[in-house]
Protein backbone atom coordinates (compact mmCIF):
# COMPACT_ATOMS: atom_id res chain seq x y z
CA MET A 1 10.54 -8.40 35.12
CA LEU A 2 9.49 -11.94 35.99
CA ILE A 3 12.94 -13.51 35.68
CA ASN A 4 13.43 -16.32 38.18
CA LYS A 5 10.07 -15.75 39.86
CA ARG A 6 8.41 -18.96 41.02
CA LYS A 7 5.05 -18.00 42.48
CA PHE A 8 2.47 -16.50 40.12
CA LYS A 9 -1.09 -15.28 40.00
CA PHE A 10 -3.09 -16.17 36.91
CA VAL A 11 -6.49 -14.61 36.28
CA PHE A 12 -8.93 -16.08 33.76
CA ILE A 13 -11.60 -13.59 32.66
CA GLY A 14 -14.19 -15.68 30.88
CA ALA A 15 -13.32 -18.79 32.87
CA GLY A 16 -16.49 -20.49 31.68
CA SER A 17 -15.01 -20.81 28.17
CA SER A 18 -15.76 -24.29 26.85
CA VAL A 19 -12.56 -24.21 24.80
CA PHE A 20 -9.78 -22.52 26.71
CA THR A 21 -9.77 -22.52 30.51
CA MET A 22 -9.27 -26.17 31.40
CA ARG A 23 -6.67 -26.72 28.69
CA LEU A 24 -4.75 -23.54 29.53
CA VAL A 25 -4.80 -24.51 33.22
CA GLY A 26 -3.48 -27.92 32.15
CA ASP A 27 -0.60 -26.22 30.32
CA ILE A 28 0.25 -24.16 33.42
CA LEU A 29 0.18 -27.22 35.68
CA THR A 30 2.64 -29.08 33.45
CA GLU A 31 5.08 -26.17 32.99
CA LYS A 32 8.07 -26.73 35.28
CA CYS A 33 9.05 -23.08 35.67
CA LEU A 34 5.58 -22.21 37.02
CA GLU A 35 5.90 -23.90 40.39
CA GLU A 36 3.06 -22.50 42.49
CA GLY A 37 0.59 -19.68 42.89
CA GLU A 38 -3.07 -18.82 42.41
CA LEU A 39 -5.56 -19.56 39.66
CA ALA A 40 -8.25 -16.88 39.91
CA LEU A 41 -11.34 -17.73 37.85
CA VAL A 42 -13.76 -15.00 36.76
CA ASP A 43 -17.12 -15.42 35.07
CA ILE A 44 -20.42 -13.56 35.29
CA ASP A 45 -22.35 -16.86 35.12
CA GLU A 46 -22.27 -18.14 38.71
CA LYS A 47 -23.42 -21.66 37.84
CA VAL A 48 -20.74 -22.12 35.20
CA LEU A 49 -18.15 -20.52 37.48
CA ASP A 50 -18.94 -22.96 40.29
CA GLU A 51 -18.57 -25.91 37.93
CA VAL A 52 -15.27 -24.67 36.50
CA SER A 53 -13.92 -24.04 39.99
CA VAL A 54 -14.66 -27.62 41.04
CA ALA A 55 -13.09 -29.05 37.87
CA VAL A 56 -9.95 -26.89 38.12
CA LYS A 57 -9.50 -27.81 41.80
CA LYS A 58 -9.73 -31.49 40.88
CA LEU A 59 -7.15 -31.03 38.14
CA VAL A 60 -4.78 -29.20 40.50
CA LYS A 61 -5.19 -31.90 43.15
CA TYR A 62 -4.52 -34.63 40.59
CA THR A 63 -1.21 -33.02 39.57
CA GLY A 64 -0.14 -32.29 43.15
CA ARG A 65 0.95 -28.78 42.18
CA LYS A 66 0.82 -25.96 44.74
CA PHE A 67 -1.88 -23.74 43.27
CA ASN A 68 -4.81 -22.23 45.12
CA VAL A 69 -8.03 -21.82 43.16
CA SER A 70 -10.35 -18.86 43.74
CA ALA A 71 -13.54 -17.76 41.98
CA TYR A 72 -15.10 -14.34 41.34
CA THR A 73 -18.05 -12.91 39.42
CA ASP A 74 -16.42 -9.46 39.25
CA PHE A 75 -12.96 -9.17 37.71
CA ARG A 76 -12.17 -6.24 40.02
CA ASP A 77 -12.07 -8.64 42.94
CA ALA A 78 -9.61 -10.93 41.17
CA ILE A 79 -6.88 -8.87 39.51
CA ASP A 80 -4.92 -7.40 42.43
CA ASN A 81 -1.25 -8.41 42.10
CA ALA A 82 -1.90 -10.51 39.01
CA ASP A 83 1.04 -11.61 36.85
CA PHE A 84 -0.92 -12.90 33.86
CA VAL A 85 -4.52 -12.13 32.91
CA PHE A 86 -6.14 -14.33 30.29
CA PHE A 87 -8.92 -12.90 28.15
CA THR A 88 -11.16 -15.79 27.06
CA PHE A 89 -14.50 -14.01 27.25
CA ALA A 90 -17.07 -13.29 24.55
CA THR A 91 -19.28 -10.32 25.38
CA GLY A 92 -22.84 -11.48 24.87
CA GLY A 93 -21.79 -15.11 24.72
CA TYR A 94 -22.61 -17.78 22.21
CA ASP A 95 -26.26 -16.82 21.71
CA ARG A 96 -25.39 -13.28 20.67
CA TRP A 97 -22.87 -14.61 18.16
CA LYS A 98 -25.63 -16.71 16.61
CA LYS A 99 -27.90 -13.66 16.49
CA ASP A 100 -25.18 -11.72 14.64
CA ILE A 101 -25.12 -14.37 11.91
CA GLU A 102 -28.92 -14.44 11.70
CA ILE A 103 -29.17 -10.67 11.20
CA CYS A 104 -26.33 -10.55 8.67
CA THR A 105 -27.83 -13.43 6.69
CA ARG A 106 -31.12 -11.54 6.36
CA HIS A 107 -29.13 -8.70 4.79
CA GLY A 108 -27.40 -11.00 2.32
CA VAL A 109 -24.04 -11.27 4.11
CA LEU A 110 -22.86 -14.84 4.59
CA GLN A 111 -20.05 -15.50 7.09
CA SER A 112 -18.33 -18.84 7.60
CA VAL A 113 -17.29 -17.80 11.14
CA GLY A 114 -18.42 -14.25 11.87
CA ASP A 115 -16.15 -13.49 14.83
CA THR A 116 -13.23 -11.74 13.11
CA ILE A 117 -14.21 -9.89 9.98
CA GLY A 118 -17.46 -9.03 8.26
CA PRO A 119 -20.29 -7.14 9.95
CA GLY A 120 -20.30 -9.88 12.60
CA GLY A 121 -16.71 -9.00 13.44
CA ILE A 122 -17.51 -5.29 13.55
CA ILE A 123 -20.44 -5.58 15.97
CA ARG A 124 -18.39 -7.97 18.08
CA THR A 125 -15.69 -5.29 18.20
CA LEU A 126 -18.19 -2.64 19.29
CA ARG A 127 -19.44 -4.71 22.21
CA THR A 128 -16.09 -6.26 23.22
CA ILE A 129 -13.68 -3.31 23.25
CA PRO A 130 -15.49 -1.31 25.97
CA VAL A 131 -15.14 -4.33 28.27
CA VAL A 132 -11.46 -4.63 27.34
CA MET A 133 -10.91 -0.96 28.14
CA ASP A 134 -12.72 -1.29 31.47
CA ILE A 135 -10.57 -4.25 32.51
CA ALA A 136 -7.35 -2.61 31.31
CA GLY A 137 -8.18 0.59 33.19
CA GLU A 138 -8.53 -1.35 36.44
CA MET A 139 -5.36 -3.31 35.70
CA GLU A 140 -3.42 -0.06 35.32
CA LYS A 141 -4.32 0.72 38.93
CA ARG A 142 -4.25 -2.75 40.53
CA CYS A 143 -1.66 -4.79 38.61
CA PRO A 144 0.17 -2.41 36.24
CA ASP A 145 3.01 -4.85 35.57
CA ALA A 146 0.77 -7.76 34.59
CA TRP A 147 0.61 -9.20 31.08
CA VAL A 148 -2.69 -9.70 29.26
CA ILE A 149 -2.77 -12.90 27.21
CA ASN A 150 -5.61 -12.44 24.75
CA TYR A 151 -7.62 -15.25 23.20
CA SER A 152 -10.84 -13.25 22.75
CA ASN A 153 -11.98 -12.46 19.22
CA PRO A 154 -11.71 -10.32 17.22
CA GLU A 155 -8.07 -10.93 18.15
CA GLY A 156 -6.65 -8.10 16.08
CA ALA A 157 -9.16 -5.54 17.37
CA VAL A 158 -8.61 -6.47 21.02
CA CYS A 159 -4.83 -6.34 20.65
CA LEU A 160 -4.98 -2.99 18.83
CA ALA A 161 -7.15 -1.49 21.57
CA LEU A 162 -4.86 -2.72 24.35
CA GLN A 163 -1.66 -1.55 22.67
CA LYS A 164 -2.95 1.79 21.35
CA TYR A 165 -5.21 3.00 24.14
CA THR A 166 -3.81 1.44 27.36
CA LYS A 167 -0.50 1.05 29.17
CA ILE A 168 -0.98 -2.65 29.84
CA ARG A 169 1.53 -5.07 28.39
CA SER A 170 -0.13 -7.68 26.24
CA PHE A 171 0.24 -10.31 23.61
CA GLY A 172 -2.46 -11.82 21.43
CA LEU A 173 -2.12 -15.44 20.44
CA CYS A 174 -3.76 -17.59 17.78
CA HIS A 175 -2.93 -21.21 17.03
CA GLY A 176 -4.07 -20.86 13.42
CA THR A 177 -0.72 -20.28 11.71
CA PRO A 178 1.34 -22.87 13.65
CA ASN A 179 -1.46 -25.41 13.24
CA THR A 180 -1.50 -24.82 9.49
CA ALA A 181 2.28 -25.23 9.39
CA LYS A 182 1.92 -28.52 11.27
CA ARG A 183 -0.76 -29.68 8.84
CA LEU A 184 1.48 -28.83 5.87
CA ALA A 185 4.31 -30.81 7.44
CA ASP A 186 2.16 -33.81 8.39
CA LYS A 187 -0.21 -34.10 5.45
CA VAL A 188 1.50 -32.37 2.54
CA PHE A 189 5.25 -32.86 2.95
CA LYS A 190 4.85 -35.91 5.23
CA VAL A 191 7.67 -34.99 7.59
CA ASP A 192 7.92 -34.45 11.31
CA PRO A 193 6.64 -30.90 12.00
CA GLY A 194 9.88 -30.11 13.80
CA ARG A 195 11.72 -30.30 10.48
CA LEU A 196 9.58 -27.61 8.83
CA GLN A 197 10.82 -24.05 9.30
CA TYR A 198 8.47 -21.25 8.34
CA ARG A 199 7.86 -17.53 8.52
CA ALA A 200 4.46 -15.94 8.09
CA ALA A 201 2.96 -12.48 8.28
CA GLY A 202 -0.30 -10.66 7.75
CA ILE A 203 -3.45 -10.01 9.76
CA ASN A 204 -4.98 -12.39 12.29
CA HIS A 205 -6.83 -15.22 10.55
CA ILE A 206 -5.29 -14.27 7.19
CA THR A 207 -1.53 -14.67 7.50
CA TRP A 208 0.65 -15.72 4.59
CA PHE A 209 3.66 -18.04 4.65
CA THR A 210 6.62 -16.10 3.31
CA HIS A 211 9.13 -18.95 3.75
CA LEU A 212 8.80 -22.73 3.94
CA ALA A 213 11.89 -24.94 4.37
CA ILE A 214 12.57 -28.50 5.44
CA ASP A 215 15.95 -29.02 7.09
CA GLY A 216 16.95 -25.64 5.68
CA GLU A 217 15.98 -26.44 2.07
CA ASP A 218 13.39 -24.20 0.38
CA VAL A 219 10.32 -26.34 -0.38
CA TYR A 220 7.97 -23.58 -1.55
CA PRO A 221 8.56 -24.49 -5.25
CA GLN A 222 7.20 -27.99 -4.48
CA LEU A 223 4.12 -26.86 -2.58
CA MET A 224 1.49 -26.74 -5.33
CA ASP A 225 2.44 -30.18 -6.64
CA LYS A 226 2.41 -31.56 -3.10
CA LEU A 227 -1.03 -30.04 -2.44
CA ARG A 228 -2.36 -31.81 -5.53
CA GLU A 229 -0.61 -35.12 -4.82
CA THR A 230 -1.98 -35.31 -1.29
CA GLY A 231 -5.46 -33.98 -2.04
CA MET A 232 -4.99 -30.95 0.20
CA ASP A 233 -5.99 -28.73 -2.73
CA LYS A 234 -9.42 -30.41 -2.56
CA GLU A 235 -9.56 -30.42 1.24
CA GLU A 236 -8.72 -26.69 1.43
CA PRO A 237 -9.64 -25.49 -2.10
CA ILE A 238 -9.95 -21.79 -1.24
CA SER A 239 -6.50 -21.69 0.36
CA ALA A 240 -5.06 -23.49 -2.67
CA ASP A 241 -6.77 -21.03 -5.01
CA LEU A 242 -5.45 -18.04 -3.07
CA PHE A 243 -1.96 -19.57 -3.27
CA ARG A 244 -2.35 -19.85 -7.05
CA ILE A 245 -3.51 -16.24 -7.32
CA TYR A 246 -1.23 -14.49 -4.82
CA GLY A 247 1.85 -16.73 -4.80
CA LEU A 248 1.90 -17.33 -1.03
CA TYR A 249 -0.07 -19.91 0.94
CA PRO A 250 -2.53 -18.50 3.54
CA ALA A 251 -3.42 -19.63 7.04
CA PRO A 252 -5.39 -20.77 9.02
CA SER A 253 -7.63 -22.79 6.64
CA ASP A 254 -10.61 -22.11 4.41
CA ARG A 255 -12.99 -21.59 7.34
CA HIS A 256 -11.31 -18.30 8.17
CA VAL A 257 -9.52 -17.11 5.04
CA SER A 258 -12.64 -17.29 2.87
CA GLU A 259 -14.20 -14.47 4.91
CA PHE A 260 -11.64 -11.98 3.67
CA PHE A 261 -12.73 -12.41 0.04
CA PRO A 262 -16.43 -11.77 -0.70
CA PHE A 263 -16.38 -13.76 -3.92
CA PHE A 264 -16.19 -17.11 -2.08
CA LEU A 265 -19.15 -16.41 0.20
CA LYS A 266 -21.80 -15.64 -2.37
CA GLU A 267 -24.83 -17.93 -2.24
CA LYS A 268 -24.54 -18.93 -5.91
CA VAL A 269 -20.84 -19.70 -5.63
CA LEU A 270 -21.31 -21.72 -2.44
CA LYS A 271 -23.94 -23.86 -4.16
CA GLU A 272 -21.89 -24.36 -7.33
CA GLN A 273 -18.57 -25.08 -5.61
CA ASP A 274 -20.03 -26.87 -2.56
CA TYR A 275 -17.31 -25.52 -0.28
CA THR A 276 -17.17 -27.20 3.13
CA TRP A 277 -17.45 -23.91 5.03
CA LYS A 278 -20.63 -22.12 4.06
CA ASN A 279 -22.71 -19.65 6.04
CA ASN A 280 -22.15 -20.47 9.71
CA ASP A 281 -25.00 -22.71 10.87
CA PHE A 282 -23.10 -23.54 14.07
CA LYS A 283 -23.54 -27.30 13.64
CA VAL A 284 -19.78 -27.88 13.64
CA VAL A 285 -19.18 -25.38 16.45
CA ASP A 286 -21.98 -26.98 18.47
CA GLY A 287 -20.24 -30.31 17.95
CA TRP A 288 -16.92 -28.96 19.19
CA ARG A 289 -18.62 -27.44 22.22
CA GLU A 290 -20.46 -30.68 22.99
CA GLU A 291 -17.22 -32.70 22.83
CA ALA A 292 -15.54 -30.20 25.17
CA ARG A 293 -18.54 -30.29 27.51
CA GLN A 294 -18.59 -34.08 27.67
CA LEU A 295 -14.93 -34.21 28.65
CA PHE A 296 -15.46 -31.42 31.17
CA ASP A 297 -18.42 -33.28 32.71
CA ARG A 298 -16.35 -36.43 33.10
CA VAL A 299 -13.68 -34.52 35.03
CA LEU A 300 -16.43 -32.85 37.06
CA LYS A 301 -18.23 -36.07 37.97
CA GLU A 302 -15.62 -38.81 37.76
CA ASP A 303 -12.12 -39.47 39.03
CA ASP A 304 -10.73 -41.44 36.11
CA GLN A 305 -7.10 -40.62 35.28
CA ILE A 306 -7.75 -40.76 31.54
CA TYR A 307 -9.96 -37.66 31.68
CA TYR A 308 -7.47 -35.64 33.71
CA ASP A 309 -4.66 -36.62 31.37
CA GLU A 310 -6.63 -35.31 28.38
CA PHE A 311 -6.30 -31.79 29.79
CA LEU A 312 -2.65 -32.27 30.69
CA ARG A 313 -1.31 -33.56 27.38
CA GLY A 314 -0.86 -30.06 25.92
CA SER A 315 -3.47 -27.75 24.46
CA GLY A 316 -1.51 -26.70 21.39
CA GLU A 317 -1.70 -23.09 22.60
CA THR A 318 1.54 -21.19 23.13
CA ALA A 319 0.87 -19.07 26.23
CA THR A 320 3.24 -21.08 28.43
CA HIS A 321 6.00 -20.70 25.84
CA PHE A 322 5.80 -16.95 26.46
CA MET A 323 5.71 -17.42 30.19
CA ARG A 324 8.74 -19.69 30.13
CA ALA A 325 10.66 -17.14 28.07
CA LEU A 326 9.69 -14.25 30.37
CA VAL A 327 10.48 -16.22 33.54
CA THR A 328 13.63 -18.10 32.53
CA GLY A 329 15.04 -15.95 29.73
CA GLU A 330 15.00 -19.00 27.45
CA PRO A 331 14.09 -17.48 24.05
CA ALA A 332 10.97 -18.48 22.17
CA VAL A 333 9.61 -17.49 18.77
CA GLU A 334 5.86 -17.29 18.23
CA MET A 335 3.29 -15.55 16.06
CA VAL A 336 2.00 -12.46 17.87
CA ASN A 337 -0.42 -9.62 17.11
CA VAL A 338 1.42 -6.30 17.43
CA ILE A 339 1.08 -2.77 16.08
CA ASN A 340 3.18 -2.35 12.97
CA ARG A 341 6.30 -0.28 13.55
CA GLY A 342 7.99 -0.87 10.22
CA TYR A 343 8.02 -4.65 10.70
CA ILE A 344 6.11 -5.06 7.42
CA GLU A 345 7.63 -2.29 5.34
CA ASN A 346 4.87 -1.83 2.77
CA LEU A 347 2.09 -1.58 5.36
CA SER A 348 1.30 1.59 7.27
CA ASN A 349 2.57 1.99 10.79
CA ASP A 350 -0.04 1.86 13.56
CA ILE A 351 -2.18 -0.92 12.08
CA ILE A 352 -2.32 -4.29 13.81
CA VAL A 353 -0.36 -7.15 12.20
CA GLU A 354 0.47 -10.75 13.08
CA ILE A 355 4.18 -11.56 12.74
CA PRO A 356 6.93 -13.76 14.21
CA THR A 357 8.18 -12.40 17.53
CA PHE A 358 11.11 -13.32 19.76
CA ILE A 359 10.38 -13.43 23.48
CA ASP A 360 12.88 -13.40 26.34
CA SER A 361 13.01 -12.08 29.90
CA PHE A 362 12.91 -8.49 28.58
CA GLY A 363 9.64 -9.01 26.72
CA LEU A 364 8.59 -9.13 23.07
CA HIS A 365 10.86 -8.40 20.11
CA PRO A 366 8.84 -8.39 16.86
CA GLN A 367 10.82 -9.39 13.79
CA LYS A 368 11.19 -7.38 10.58
CA ILE A 369 9.49 -9.09 7.66
CA GLY A 370 10.40 -6.72 4.86
CA CYS A 371 7.78 -6.28 2.14
CA LEU A 372 4.83 -8.52 1.39
CA PRO A 373 3.78 -9.03 -2.25
CA GLU A 374 1.79 -6.00 -3.40
CA GLY A 375 -1.57 -7.73 -3.73
CA ILE A 376 -1.30 -9.23 -0.25
CA ALA A 377 -0.05 -5.96 1.21
CA ALA A 378 -3.03 -4.12 -0.27
CA LYS A 379 -5.44 -6.61 1.31
CA CYS A 380 -3.71 -6.38 4.70
CA GLU A 381 -3.61 -2.59 4.55
CA THR A 382 -7.37 -2.34 4.02
CA LEU A 383 -8.09 -4.85 6.78
CA GLY A 384 -5.75 -3.04 9.16
CA ARG A 385 -7.48 0.26 8.43
CA GLU A 386 -10.87 -1.36 9.01
CA TYR A 387 -9.75 -2.58 12.43
CA SER A 388 -8.44 0.88 13.29
CA LEU A 389 -11.79 2.47 12.43
CA ALA A 390 -13.83 -0.18 14.25
CA VAL A 391 -11.70 0.03 17.39
CA GLU A 392 -11.83 3.82 17.39
CA ALA A 393 -15.62 3.60 17.02
CA ALA A 394 -15.78 1.19 19.95
CA VAL A 395 -13.57 3.38 22.17
CA THR A 396 -15.26 6.70 21.34
CA GLY A 397 -18.80 5.68 20.39
CA ASP A 398 -18.38 7.32 16.98
CA TYR A 399 -21.11 5.94 14.70
CA ASN A 400 -19.53 7.35 11.55
CA LYS A 401 -16.28 5.50 12.22
CA ALA A 402 -18.25 2.26 12.60
CA LEU A 403 -20.05 2.96 9.33
CA GLN A 404 -16.76 3.67 7.57
CA ALA A 405 -15.44 0.32 8.85
CA MET A 406 -18.54 -1.35 7.39
CA TYR A 407 -17.91 0.26 4.01
CA LEU A 408 -14.28 -0.98 4.04
CA ASP A 409 -15.23 -4.53 5.03
CA PRO A 410 -14.91 -7.08 2.21
CA LEU A 411 -18.02 -9.11 3.06
CA VAL A 412 -20.23 -6.04 3.26
CA ALA A 413 -19.79 -5.87 -0.52
CA ASN A 414 -22.46 -8.59 -0.59
CA CYS A 415 -24.95 -6.37 1.29
CA ASP A 416 -27.41 -4.06 -0.51
CA TYR A 417 -27.76 -1.53 2.33
CA PRO A 418 -24.78 -1.59 4.76
CA GLU A 419 -26.09 1.23 6.94
CA ARG A 420 -29.38 -0.57 7.57
CA LEU A 421 -27.44 -3.68 8.56
CA LEU A 422 -25.22 -1.74 10.96
CA ASP A 423 -28.25 -0.03 12.52
CA GLU A 424 -30.01 -3.35 13.09
CA LEU A 425 -26.90 -4.90 14.65
CA ILE A 426 -26.50 -1.91 16.98
CA LYS A 427 -30.19 -1.99 17.95
CA GLU A 428 -29.96 -5.71 18.76
CA ASN A 429 -26.92 -5.08 20.98
CA LEU A 430 -27.91 -1.92 22.87
CA ASP A 431 -28.01 -3.86 26.14
CA LEU A 432 -24.31 -4.65 25.68
CA LEU A 433 -23.14 -1.29 24.32
CA PRO A 434 -22.17 1.86 26.24
CA ALA A 435 -24.91 4.46 26.80
CA LYS A 436 -23.59 6.73 24.03
CA TRP A 437 -24.91 4.25 21.43
CA HIS A 438 -28.46 4.52 22.78
CA ASN A 439 -28.94 7.84 21.01
CA ARG A 440 -28.95 6.14 17.62
C-alpha cells in the first residue's frame, strides 16, 4: 500500500510522447500529496530523450519541487523500485501508424483513427502486446508492487493483456468519456460541468451514458431536443444518430465511435454525408502534434513563465486522481478499463470493459452497472471477444486467432479479402513482431 507515502518513483516508458509526458509531469508537480521523488524517463530515441530530459528538468526547477530527473534508453535500467510506470509508447511510432492506414485503405477499409479498432487496431495490438508483456515480466521481478498507468492504444487490448496474463497491478485511463460529459454540460445543457452527474459503460472509445442528471434531476429526456437546439446534432451527427437508434448517447465523439459501425465509413456514405471525420489523412493529428511541439520547443529554448504554466494548469488526464486516492485514501471515481466480473451483467465475464470505478488506499473497486440495452450489449460483446482473440494472438503468436479477430471486426466488413489484408499488415511489421510471426 502507498498510504501516507511521500517519496515516489515515476517511470515514463515512451517519454518522447508529444502528447502525454510533459503534461503528466505537470500534473505530478502540482499534486500536493506527491511531495518528492524521481522522474525516470525512458525512450529508445536518444535525441528525443535528451530533449525531454532537459525540458522536464526545467519544469521541475521552475516549480521548486524535489524531484530528480533521470533518463534511460532501456526500460530495464529504469524500473527498479518504481511506484508508478506510465505507458505512453507506440510500438513503431507515428510513421508505422500512417503505414497501417495506407495499407488498409488499399484494401478498401477506411478508418477515422485506426489505433483502437479495425485492422489498424489489430496490427497495433500484435506489435504492442509483446512489448507490454516484456515490460510487465521485468516489473514482476524488479518492482512487483508498482502500478502501471496505461495511456498506450489500443487501450482495451493493453489493459486486457496486463490483467489477464501478468501479476502487475494496472489501470487504463482515457479522457474520452469525461471530456464528452464536460462537452454535454458546457455546450448542450449550458451548466457548469460540476453540476452534471453521469454514469457510462461499454468498451474503450465506445462507452454509452446510462445516466445523465443535473443537480440530481434526470435530464436524459431533454437530451435530443438540447442537441438540436444547440447544433450539437450537426457537430457530432454520428453520435446523435446512434443515440436515436440505440437510446443512449455514446462517447467520445464521432472521430472514435464511427469506427465501430462500418456503415459510416464507406466511401460513398462519407461523400454523401460529408462527415468531418473521414479516412485518417493525419492532417488534424499533424496539427495537434505541431502545436504540442511548438509549446515544447518554447520550454526547451526559453525561460518565459507563460510556457511553463501551460504545462502546469492541468492536463485533463486523471492519473493523479488515482494517485491521490491510493496515497491519501481520499476516494475518487473515474472511468477505468477492467476485466468484466459481472459488472455489466449481460456481457460475458473475462472481456475488457470500461466502467466507473471507485479508488481508495486499497486499490480499485469497479462498480456494478447492471444490464446494458440489448443492442448495445451485443455490440460490446462482439468487440470484447475481438479484443480477447487479438490479445491471445499477440501473446501466443497464433495466426488463426488474429484472423478470427479480423473476421469479427466491424470495419473489416468493408474489405473484400480480409486474410490478404492481415497478411500484408503482418509482412509490413515483421521487424516489430516476435520471431514466431516470421514463419508466415
